All heavy atoms as atom14 arrays in JSON, in Angstrom:
{
  "sequence": "LATPKRIPTLAQELALDRAMAARSTCSRCSRRYYYCLPLHTVGSCD",
  "atom14_mask": [
    [1, 1, 1, 1, 1, 1, 1, 1, 0, 0, 0, 0, 0, 0],
    [1, 1, 1, 1, 1, 0, 0, 0, 0, 0, 0, 0, 0, 0],
    [1, 1, 1, 1, 1, 1, 1, 0, 0, 0, 0, 0, 0, 0],
    [1, 1, 1, 1, 1, 1, 1, 0, 0, 0, 0, 0, 0, 0],
    [1, 1, 1, 1, 1, 1, 1, 1, 1, 0, 0, 0, 0, 0],
    [1, 1, 1, 1, 1, 1, 1, 1, 1, 1, 1, 0, 0, 0],
    [1, 1, 1, 1, 1, 1, 1, 1, 0, 0, 0, 0, 0, 0],
    [1, 1, 1, 1, 1, 1, 1, 0, 0, 0, 0, 0, 0, 0],
    [1, 1, 1, 1, 1, 1, 1, 0, 0, 0, 0, 0, 0, 0],
    [1, 1, 1, 1, 1, 1, 1, 1, 0, 0, 0, 0, 0, 0],
    [1, 1, 1, 1, 1, 0, 0, 0, 0, 0, 0, 0, 0, 0],
    [1, 1, 1, 1, 1, 1, 1, 1, 1, 0, 0, 0, 0, 0],
    [1, 1, 1, 1, 1, 1, 1, 1, 1, 0, 0, 0, 0, 0],
    [1, 1, 1, 1, 1, 1, 1, 1, 0, 0, 0, 0, 0, 0],
    [1, 1, 1, 1, 1, 0, 0, 0, 0, 0, 0, 0, 0, 0],
    [1, 1, 1, 1, 1, 1, 1, 1, 0, 0, 0, 0, 0, 0],
    [1, 1, 1, 1, 1, 1, 1, 1, 0, 0, 0, 0, 0, 0],
    [1, 1, 1, 1, 1, 1, 1, 1, 1, 1, 1, 0, 0, 0],
    [1, 1, 1, 1, 1, 0, 0, 0, 0, 0, 0, 0, 0, 0],
    [1, 1, 1, 1, 1, 1, 1, 1, 0, 0, 0, 0, 0, 0],
    [1, 1, 1, 1, 1, 0, 0, 0, 0, 0, 0, 0, 0, 0],
    [1, 1, 1, 1, 1, 0, 0, 0, 0, 0, 0, 0, 0, 0],
    [1, 1, 1, 1, 1, 1, 1, 1, 1, 1, 1, 0, 0, 0],
    [1, 1, 1, 1, 1, 1, 0, 0, 0, 0, 0, 0, 0, 0],
    [1, 1, 1, 1, 1, 1, 1, 0, 0, 0, 0, 0, 0, 0],
    [1, 1, 1, 1, 1, 1, 0, 0, 0, 0, 0, 0, 0, 0],
    [1, 1, 1, 1, 1, 1, 0, 0, 0, 0, 0, 0, 0, 0],
    [1, 1, 1, 1, 1, 1, 1, 1, 1, 1, 1, 0, 0, 0],
    [1, 1, 1, 1, 1, 1, 0, 0, 0, 0, 0, 0, 0, 0],
    [1, 1, 1, 1, 1, 1, 0, 0, 0, 0, 0, 0, 0, 0],
    [1, 1, 1, 1, 1, 1, 1, 1, 1, 1, 1, 0, 0, 0],
    [1, 1, 1, 1, 1, 1, 1, 1, 1, 1, 1, 0, 0, 0],
    [1, 1, 1, 1, 1, 1, 1, 1, 1, 1, 1, 1, 0, 0],
    [1, 1, 1, 1, 1, 1, 1, 1, 1, 1, 1, 1, 0, 0],
    [1, 1, 1, 1, 1, 1, 1, 1, 1, 1, 1, 1, 0, 0],
    [1, 1, 1, 1, 1, 1, 0, 0, 0, 0, 0, 0, 0, 0],
    [1, 1, 1, 1, 1, 1, 1, 1, 0, 0, 0, 0, 0, 0],
    [1, 1, 1, 1, 1, 1, 1, 0, 0, 0, 0, 0, 0, 0],
    [1, 1, 1, 1, 1, 1, 1, 1, 0, 0, 0, 0, 0, 0],
    [1, 1, 1, 1, 1, 1, 1, 1, 1, 1, 0, 0, 0, 0],
    [1, 1, 1, 1, 1, 1, 1, 0, 0, 0, 0, 0, 0, 0],
    [1, 1, 1, 1, 1, 1, 1, 0, 0, 0, 0, 0, 0, 0],
    [1, 1, 1, 1, 0, 0, 0, 0, 0, 0, 0, 0, 0, 0],
    [1, 1, 1, 1, 1, 1, 0, 0, 0, 0, 0, 0, 0, 0],
    [1, 1, 1, 1, 1, 1, 0, 0, 0, 0, 0, 0, 0, 0],
    [1, 1, 1, 1, 1, 1, 1, 1, 0, 0, 0, 0, 0, 0]
  ],
  "atom14_positions": [
    [[0.81, -1.22, 0.0], [0.0, 0.0, 0.0], [0.85, 1.27, 0.0], [0.32, 2.38, -0.11], [-0.93, 0.02, 1.22], [-1.98, -1.09, 1.28], [-2.78, -0.97, 2.56], [-2.9, -1.03, 0.07], [0.0, 0.0, 0.0], [0.0, 0.0, 0.0], [0.0, 0.0, 0.0], [0.0, 0.0, 0.0], [0.0, 0.0, 0.0], [0.0, 0.0, 0.0]],
    [[2.16, 1.13, 0.14], [3.05, 2.31, 0.18], [3.2, 2.89, -1.22], [3.1, 2.2, -2.23], [4.41, 1.9, 0.73], [0.0, 0.0, 0.0], [0.0, 0.0, 0.0], [0.0, 0.0, 0.0], [0.0, 0.0, 0.0], [0.0, 0.0, 0.0], [0.0, 0.0, 0.0], [0.0, 0.0, 0.0], [0.0, 0.0, 0.0], [0.0, 0.0, 0.0]],
    [[3.43, 4.2, -1.25], [3.61, 4.91, -2.51], [4.98, 5.58, -2.52], [5.56, 5.83, -1.47], [2.53, 5.99, -2.7], [2.58, 6.88, -1.58], [1.15, 5.37, -2.8], [0.0, 0.0, 0.0], [0.0, 0.0, 0.0], [0.0, 0.0, 0.0], [0.0, 0.0, 0.0], [0.0, 0.0, 0.0], [0.0, 0.0, 0.0], [0.0, 0.0, 0.0]],
    [[5.53, 5.9, -3.7], [6.82, 6.6, -3.74], [6.72, 7.98, -3.1], [5.67, 8.62, -3.14], [7.13, 6.71, -5.23], [6.27, 5.71, -5.89], [5.06, 5.53, -5.03], [0.0, 0.0, 0.0], [0.0, 0.0, 0.0], [0.0, 0.0, 0.0], [0.0, 0.0, 0.0], [0.0, 0.0, 0.0], [0.0, 0.0, 0.0], [0.0, 0.0, 0.0]],
    [[7.81, 8.42, -2.52], [7.84, 9.75, -1.92], [7.67, 10.82, -2.99], [8.13, 10.66, -4.11], [9.18, 9.99, -1.21], [9.29, 9.35, 0.13], [10.57, 9.8, 0.78], [10.7, 9.22, 2.15], [11.96, 9.64, 2.78], [0.0, 0.0, 0.0], [0.0, 0.0, 0.0], [0.0, 0.0, 0.0], [0.0, 0.0, 0.0], [0.0, 0.0, 0.0]],
    [[7.01, 11.91, -2.61], [6.87, 13.02, -3.53], [8.17, 13.8, -3.59], [8.83, 14.0, -2.58], [5.73, 13.92, -3.09], [4.39, 13.24, -3.13], [3.28, 14.2, -2.83], [3.51, 14.91, -1.58], [2.79, 15.92, -1.16], [1.8, 16.37, -1.89], [3.04, 16.51, -0.02], [0.0, 0.0, 0.0], [0.0, 0.0, 0.0], [0.0, 0.0, 0.0]],
    [[8.52, 14.26, -4.76], [9.75, 15.01, -4.95], [9.37, 16.49, -5.06], [8.51, 16.85, -5.87], [10.49, 14.53, -6.21], [10.86, 13.06, -6.07], [11.72, 15.38, -6.47], [11.39, 12.44, -7.33], [0.0, 0.0, 0.0], [0.0, 0.0, 0.0], [0.0, 0.0, 0.0], [0.0, 0.0, 0.0], [0.0, 0.0, 0.0], [0.0, 0.0, 0.0]],
    [[10.0, 17.35, -4.25], [9.65, 18.78, -4.33], [10.12, 19.39, -5.64], [11.14, 19.0, -6.2], [10.37, 19.4, -3.12], [11.47, 18.45, -2.82], [11.0, 17.09, -3.22], [0.0, 0.0, 0.0], [0.0, 0.0, 0.0], [0.0, 0.0, 0.0], [0.0, 0.0, 0.0], [0.0, 0.0, 0.0], [0.0, 0.0, 0.0], [0.0, 0.0, 0.0]],
    [[9.37, 20.37, -6.11], [9.75, 21.08, -7.33], [10.9, 22.05, -7.02], [11.2, 22.33, -5.85], [8.56, 21.86, -7.89], [8.17, 22.86, -6.94], [7.39, 20.94, -8.19], [0.0, 0.0, 0.0], [0.0, 0.0, 0.0], [0.0, 0.0, 0.0], [0.0, 0.0, 0.0], [0.0, 0.0, 0.0], [0.0, 0.0, 0.0], [0.0, 0.0, 0.0]],
    [[11.5, 22.59, -8.05], [12.59, 23.55, -7.86], [12.11, 24.82, -7.16], [12.83, 25.41, -6.36], [13.24, 23.88, -9.2], [14.01, 22.74, -9.85], [14.52, 23.17, -11.21], [15.16, 22.32, -8.97], [0.0, 0.0, 0.0], [0.0, 0.0, 0.0], [0.0, 0.0, 0.0], [0.0, 0.0, 0.0], [0.0, 0.0, 0.0], [0.0, 0.0, 0.0]],
    [[10.88, 25.23, -7.46], [10.34, 26.42, -6.82], [10.14, 26.18, -5.32], [10.39, 27.08, -4.5], [9.01, 26.81, -7.47], [0.0, 0.0, 0.0], [0.0, 0.0, 0.0], [0.0, 0.0, 0.0], [0.0, 0.0, 0.0], [0.0, 0.0, 0.0], [0.0, 0.0, 0.0], [0.0, 0.0, 0.0], [0.0, 0.0, 0.0], [0.0, 0.0, 0.0]],
    [[9.69, 24.98, -4.93], [9.53, 24.66, -3.53], [10.87, 24.63, -2.81], [11.02, 25.14, -1.69], [8.82, 23.33, -3.36], [7.36, 23.38, -3.74], [6.73, 22.0, -3.76], [7.4, 20.99, -3.96], [5.43, 21.96, -3.56], [0.0, 0.0, 0.0], [0.0, 0.0, 0.0], [0.0, 0.0, 0.0], [0.0, 0.0, 0.0], [0.0, 0.0, 0.0]],
    [[11.89, 24.05, -3.46], [13.22, 24.02, -2.85], [13.79, 25.42, -2.7], [14.42, 25.74, -1.69], [14.16, 23.14, -3.69], [13.87, 21.68, -3.56], [14.87, 20.83, -4.31], [15.86, 21.39, -4.85], [14.68, 19.61, -4.36], [0.0, 0.0, 0.0], [0.0, 0.0, 0.0], [0.0, 0.0, 0.0], [0.0, 0.0, 0.0], [0.0, 0.0, 0.0]],
    [[13.58, 26.28, -3.7], [14.05, 27.65, -3.61], [13.36, 28.39, -2.48], [13.99, 29.16, -1.74], [13.82, 28.38, -4.94], [14.32, 29.81, -5.01], [15.84, 29.86, -4.85], [13.91, 30.45, -6.31], [0.0, 0.0, 0.0], [0.0, 0.0, 0.0], [0.0, 0.0, 0.0], [0.0, 0.0, 0.0], [0.0, 0.0, 0.0], [0.0, 0.0, 0.0]],
    [[12.05, 28.16, -2.31], [11.32, 28.81, -1.22], [11.84, 28.35, 0.13], [11.98, 29.16, 1.07], [9.83, 28.51, -1.35], [0.0, 0.0, 0.0], [0.0, 0.0, 0.0], [0.0, 0.0, 0.0], [0.0, 0.0, 0.0], [0.0, 0.0, 0.0], [0.0, 0.0, 0.0], [0.0, 0.0, 0.0], [0.0, 0.0, 0.0], [0.0, 0.0, 0.0]],
    [[12.16, 27.07, 0.28], [12.72, 26.57, 1.53], [14.1, 27.15, 1.8], [14.44, 27.49, 2.93], [12.77, 25.05, 1.52], [11.44, 24.33, 1.65], [11.62, 22.84, 1.46], [10.81, 24.62, 2.99], [0.0, 0.0, 0.0], [0.0, 0.0, 0.0], [0.0, 0.0, 0.0], [0.0, 0.0, 0.0], [0.0, 0.0, 0.0], [0.0, 0.0, 0.0]],
    [[14.92, 27.27, 0.75], [16.24, 27.86, 0.91], [16.16, 29.31, 1.37], [16.92, 29.75, 2.23], [17.04, 27.77, -0.39], [17.47, 26.35, -0.71], [17.47, 25.5, 0.21], [17.79, 26.09, -1.89], [0.0, 0.0, 0.0], [0.0, 0.0, 0.0], [0.0, 0.0, 0.0], [0.0, 0.0, 0.0], [0.0, 0.0, 0.0], [0.0, 0.0, 0.0]],
    [[15.22, 30.06, 0.79], [15.06, 31.45, 1.19], [14.54, 31.57, 2.62], [14.94, 32.46, 3.37], [14.12, 32.16, 0.23], [14.76, 32.44, -1.1], [13.86, 33.25, -1.98], [14.54, 33.56, -3.23], [13.93, 33.96, -4.31], [12.62, 34.12, -4.31], [14.6, 34.21, -5.41], [0.0, 0.0, 0.0], [0.0, 0.0, 0.0], [0.0, 0.0, 0.0]],
    [[13.65, 30.67, 3.0], [13.13, 30.7, 4.38], [14.24, 30.4, 5.38], [14.34, 31.04, 6.43], [11.99, 29.69, 4.53], [0.0, 0.0, 0.0], [0.0, 0.0, 0.0], [0.0, 0.0, 0.0], [0.0, 0.0, 0.0], [0.0, 0.0, 0.0], [0.0, 0.0, 0.0], [0.0, 0.0, 0.0], [0.0, 0.0, 0.0], [0.0, 0.0, 0.0]],
    [[15.09, 29.43, 5.07], [16.21, 29.12, 5.97], [17.22, 30.26, 6.01], [17.82, 30.53, 7.04], [16.88, 27.81, 5.56], [16.03, 26.59, 5.82], [15.46, 26.45, 7.52], [16.97, 26.19, 8.37], [0.0, 0.0, 0.0], [0.0, 0.0, 0.0], [0.0, 0.0, 0.0], [0.0, 0.0, 0.0], [0.0, 0.0, 0.0], [0.0, 0.0, 0.0]],
    [[17.42, 30.93, 4.87], [18.32, 32.08, 4.85], [17.77, 33.21, 5.72], [18.52, 33.89, 6.42], [18.52, 32.57, 3.42], [0.0, 0.0, 0.0], [0.0, 0.0, 0.0], [0.0, 0.0, 0.0], [0.0, 0.0, 0.0], [0.0, 0.0, 0.0], [0.0, 0.0, 0.0], [0.0, 0.0, 0.0], [0.0, 0.0, 0.0], [0.0, 0.0, 0.0]],
    [[16.46, 33.38, 5.73], [15.85, 34.43, 6.55], [15.99, 34.09, 8.04], [16.14, 35.0, 8.87], [14.38, 34.59, 6.19], [0.0, 0.0, 0.0], [0.0, 0.0, 0.0], [0.0, 0.0, 0.0], [0.0, 0.0, 0.0], [0.0, 0.0, 0.0], [0.0, 0.0, 0.0], [0.0, 0.0, 0.0], [0.0, 0.0, 0.0], [0.0, 0.0, 0.0]],
    [[15.96, 32.82, 8.39], [16.1, 32.43, 9.79], [17.51, 32.59, 10.31], [17.73, 32.69, 11.51], [15.68, 30.97, 9.97], [14.19, 30.75, 9.84], [13.85, 29.33, 10.05], [14.08, 28.95, 11.44], [14.01, 27.72, 11.9], [13.76, 26.73, 11.07], [14.22, 27.45, 13.15], [0.0, 0.0, 0.0], [0.0, 0.0, 0.0], [0.0, 0.0, 0.0]],
    [[18.5, 32.59, 9.41], [19.89, 32.7, 9.87], [20.47, 34.09, 9.61], [21.67, 34.29, 9.78], [20.74, 31.64, 9.17], [20.74, 31.82, 7.78], [0.0, 0.0, 0.0], [0.0, 0.0, 0.0], [0.0, 0.0, 0.0], [0.0, 0.0, 0.0], [0.0, 0.0, 0.0], [0.0, 0.0, 0.0], [0.0, 0.0, 0.0], [0.0, 0.0, 0.0]],
    [[19.67, 35.05, 9.18], [20.13, 36.41, 8.92], [19.57, 37.35, 9.99], [18.37, 37.33, 10.27], [19.67, 36.89, 7.53], [20.13, 35.95, 6.56], [20.23, 38.25, 7.21], [0.0, 0.0, 0.0], [0.0, 0.0, 0.0], [0.0, 0.0, 0.0], [0.0, 0.0, 0.0], [0.0, 0.0, 0.0], [0.0, 0.0, 0.0], [0.0, 0.0, 0.0]],
    [[20.44, 38.16, 10.56], [20.03, 39.11, 11.61], [19.25, 40.26, 10.97], [19.63, 40.77, 9.91], [21.25, 39.63, 12.34], [20.85, 40.85, 13.62], [0.0, 0.0, 0.0], [0.0, 0.0, 0.0], [0.0, 0.0, 0.0], [0.0, 0.0, 0.0], [0.0, 0.0, 0.0], [0.0, 0.0, 0.0], [0.0, 0.0, 0.0], [0.0, 0.0, 0.0]],
    [[18.19, 40.69, 11.63], [17.36, 41.77, 11.09], [17.98, 43.14, 11.33], [17.67, 44.09, 10.62], [15.96, 41.71, 11.7], [16.06, 41.79, 13.12], [0.0, 0.0, 0.0], [0.0, 0.0, 0.0], [0.0, 0.0, 0.0], [0.0, 0.0, 0.0], [0.0, 0.0, 0.0], [0.0, 0.0, 0.0], [0.0, 0.0, 0.0], [0.0, 0.0, 0.0]],
    [[18.87, 43.27, 12.32], [19.49, 44.57, 12.61], [20.74, 44.82, 11.79], [20.88, 45.85, 11.17], [19.85, 44.64, 14.09], [18.68, 44.8, 15.0], [19.15, 45.11, 16.39], [18.07, 44.98, 17.35], [18.24, 45.0, 18.65], [19.45, 45.12, 19.15], [17.22, 44.87, 19.44], [0.0, 0.0, 0.0], [0.0, 0.0, 0.0], [0.0, 0.0, 0.0]],
    [[21.67, 43.84, 11.8], [22.97, 44.08, 11.16], [23.1, 43.37, 9.8], [24.11, 43.54, 9.12], [24.1, 43.63, 12.07], [24.09, 41.87, 12.43], [0.0, 0.0, 0.0], [0.0, 0.0, 0.0], [0.0, 0.0, 0.0], [0.0, 0.0, 0.0], [0.0, 0.0, 0.0], [0.0, 0.0, 0.0], [0.0, 0.0, 0.0], [0.0, 0.0, 0.0]],
    [[22.13, 42.57, 9.42], [22.1, 41.84, 8.14], [23.26, 40.85, 7.98], [23.62, 40.5, 6.86], [22.09, 42.8, 6.95], [20.96, 43.62, 7.01], [0.0, 0.0, 0.0], [0.0, 0.0, 0.0], [0.0, 0.0, 0.0], [0.0, 0.0, 0.0], [0.0, 0.0, 0.0], [0.0, 0.0, 0.0], [0.0, 0.0, 0.0], [0.0, 0.0, 0.0]],
    [[23.85, 40.41, 9.09], [24.88, 39.38, 9.01], [24.21, 38.02, 8.99], [23.17, 37.82, 9.61], [25.82, 39.46, 10.21], [26.78, 40.62, 10.11], [27.71, 40.58, 11.27], [27.04, 41.19, 12.41], [27.64, 41.96, 13.32], [28.92, 42.17, 13.25], [26.97, 42.47, 14.3], [0.0, 0.0, 0.0], [0.0, 0.0, 0.0], [0.0, 0.0, 0.0]],
    [[24.82, 37.09, 8.26], [24.26, 35.74, 8.15], [25.13, 34.78, 8.94], [26.35, 34.82, 8.85], [24.23, 35.32, 6.68], [23.52, 34.04, 6.47], [22.71, 34.03, 5.21], [22.16, 32.7, 5.04], [22.23, 32.01, 3.96], [22.81, 32.52, 2.9], [21.71, 30.82, 3.9], [0.0, 0.0, 0.0], [0.0, 0.0, 0.0], [0.0, 0.0, 0.0]],
    [[24.5, 33.9, 9.71], [25.19, 32.99, 10.6], [25.02, 31.55, 10.13], [24.19, 31.26, 9.26], [24.66, 33.14, 12.03], [25.06, 34.47, 12.65], [24.29, 35.6, 12.42], [26.18, 34.58, 13.42], [24.66, 36.82, 12.97], [26.56, 35.78, 13.98], [25.79, 36.89, 13.75], [26.15, 38.09, 14.29], [0.0, 0.0, 0.0], [0.0, 0.0, 0.0]],
    [[25.77, 30.63, 10.73], [25.69, 29.21, 10.4], [24.58, 28.5, 11.15], [24.42, 27.3, 11.02], [27.03, 28.52, 10.73], [28.09, 28.73, 9.7], [29.17, 29.55, 9.94], [28.0, 28.11, 8.46], [30.15, 29.74, 8.99], [28.96, 28.3, 7.51], [30.04, 29.11, 7.77], [31.0, 29.29, 6.82], [0.0, 0.0, 0.0], [0.0, 0.0, 0.0]],
    [[23.85, 29.19, 11.98], [22.79, 28.57, 12.78], [21.56, 29.47, 12.73], [21.62, 30.63, 12.34], [23.26, 28.37, 14.22], [23.75, 29.62, 14.89], [22.89, 30.45, 15.59], [25.09, 29.99, 14.82], [23.32, 31.6, 16.18], [25.54, 31.15, 15.43], [24.65, 31.95, 16.1], [25.09, 33.1, 16.7], [0.0, 0.0, 0.0], [0.0, 0.0, 0.0]],
    [[20.42, 28.93, 13.14], [19.18, 29.71, 13.16], [19.2, 30.64, 14.36], [19.57, 30.25, 15.47], [17.97, 28.78, 13.22], [17.74, 27.85, 11.71], [0.0, 0.0, 0.0], [0.0, 0.0, 0.0], [0.0, 0.0, 0.0], [0.0, 0.0, 0.0], [0.0, 0.0, 0.0], [0.0, 0.0, 0.0], [0.0, 0.0, 0.0], [0.0, 0.0, 0.0]],
    [[18.8, 31.87, 14.14], [18.82, 32.89, 15.19], [17.51, 32.88, 15.98], [16.46, 32.54, 15.44], [19.03, 34.27, 14.57], [20.34, 34.44, 13.81], [20.35, 35.78, 13.1], [21.51, 34.34, 14.75], [0.0, 0.0, 0.0], [0.0, 0.0, 0.0], [0.0, 0.0, 0.0], [0.0, 0.0, 0.0], [0.0, 0.0, 0.0], [0.0, 0.0, 0.0]],
    [[17.55, 33.29, 17.24], [16.32, 33.37, 18.04], [15.56, 34.66, 17.75], [15.48, 35.56, 18.59], [16.85, 33.33, 19.49], [18.2, 33.94, 19.39], [18.74, 33.53, 18.05], [0.0, 0.0, 0.0], [0.0, 0.0, 0.0], [0.0, 0.0, 0.0], [0.0, 0.0, 0.0], [0.0, 0.0, 0.0], [0.0, 0.0, 0.0], [0.0, 0.0, 0.0]],
    [[15.01, 34.75, 16.56], [14.39, 36.0, 16.13], [13.06, 36.27, 16.83], [12.65, 37.41, 17.0], [14.19, 35.99, 14.61], [15.5, 35.92, 13.8], [15.19, 35.82, 12.32], [16.38, 37.11, 14.08], [0.0, 0.0, 0.0], [0.0, 0.0, 0.0], [0.0, 0.0, 0.0], [0.0, 0.0, 0.0], [0.0, 0.0, 0.0], [0.0, 0.0, 0.0]],
    [[12.35, 35.21, 17.26], [11.06, 35.43, 17.93], [11.26, 35.88, 19.38], [10.49, 36.7, 19.88], [10.22, 34.16, 17.91], [9.65, 33.86, 16.56], [8.65, 34.61, 16.0], [9.95, 32.92, 15.66], [8.36, 34.13, 14.81], [9.15, 33.1, 14.57], [0.0, 0.0, 0.0], [0.0, 0.0, 0.0], [0.0, 0.0, 0.0], [0.0, 0.0, 0.0]],
    [[12.28, 35.37, 20.05], [12.46, 35.71, 21.45], [13.35, 36.92, 21.65], [13.01, 37.84, 22.38], [13.06, 34.52, 22.22], [14.27, 34.12, 21.59], [12.08, 33.35, 22.23], [0.0, 0.0, 0.0], [0.0, 0.0, 0.0], [0.0, 0.0, 0.0], [0.0, 0.0, 0.0], [0.0, 0.0, 0.0], [0.0, 0.0, 0.0], [0.0, 0.0, 0.0]],
    [[14.5, 36.95, 20.99], [15.45, 38.05, 21.18], [15.25, 39.12, 20.13], [15.34, 40.31, 20.41], [16.91, 37.52, 21.15], [17.9, 38.64, 21.32], [17.11, 36.46, 22.21], [0.0, 0.0, 0.0], [0.0, 0.0, 0.0], [0.0, 0.0, 0.0], [0.0, 0.0, 0.0], [0.0, 0.0, 0.0], [0.0, 0.0, 0.0], [0.0, 0.0, 0.0]],
    [[14.98, 38.74, 18.9], [14.74, 39.7, 17.83], [15.94, 39.99, 16.97], [15.81, 40.64, 15.95], [0.0, 0.0, 0.0], [0.0, 0.0, 0.0], [0.0, 0.0, 0.0], [0.0, 0.0, 0.0], [0.0, 0.0, 0.0], [0.0, 0.0, 0.0], [0.0, 0.0, 0.0], [0.0, 0.0, 0.0], [0.0, 0.0, 0.0], [0.0, 0.0, 0.0]],
    [[17.12, 39.55, 17.4], [18.33, 39.79, 16.62], [19.38, 38.76, 17.02], [19.13, 37.89, 17.85], [18.85, 41.21, 16.88], [19.24, 41.33, 18.23], [0.0, 0.0, 0.0], [0.0, 0.0, 0.0], [0.0, 0.0, 0.0], [0.0, 0.0, 0.0], [0.0, 0.0, 0.0], [0.0, 0.0, 0.0], [0.0, 0.0, 0.0], [0.0, 0.0, 0.0]],
    [[20.57, 38.9, 16.43], [21.65, 37.99, 16.79], [22.19, 38.37, 18.17], [21.93, 39.46, 18.69], [22.75, 38.02, 15.73], [23.55, 39.63, 15.54], [0.0, 0.0, 0.0], [0.0, 0.0, 0.0], [0.0, 0.0, 0.0], [0.0, 0.0, 0.0], [0.0, 0.0, 0.0], [0.0, 0.0, 0.0], [0.0, 0.0, 0.0], [0.0, 0.0, 0.0]],
    [[22.96, 37.47, 18.75], [23.49, 37.7, 20.09], [24.45, 38.9, 20.14], [24.38, 39.69, 21.09], [24.18, 36.43, 20.59], [24.44, 36.49, 22.07], [23.54, 36.91, 22.82], [25.56, 36.1, 22.49], [0.0, 0.0, 0.0], [0.0, 0.0, 0.0], [0.0, 0.0, 0.0], [0.0, 0.0, 0.0], [0.0, 0.0, 0.0], [0.0, 0.0, 0.0]]
  ]
}
């Protein structure tokens, strides 16, 4: 009853890449880090 996994389109992968880039970029200084920033709690990078 199992089916093959769905493969994301290039547009979906690009949207995910941009979302991850937004999570690792500081909103104040625009620096990009190797990890996700606590933007909801702190609002910026450390």
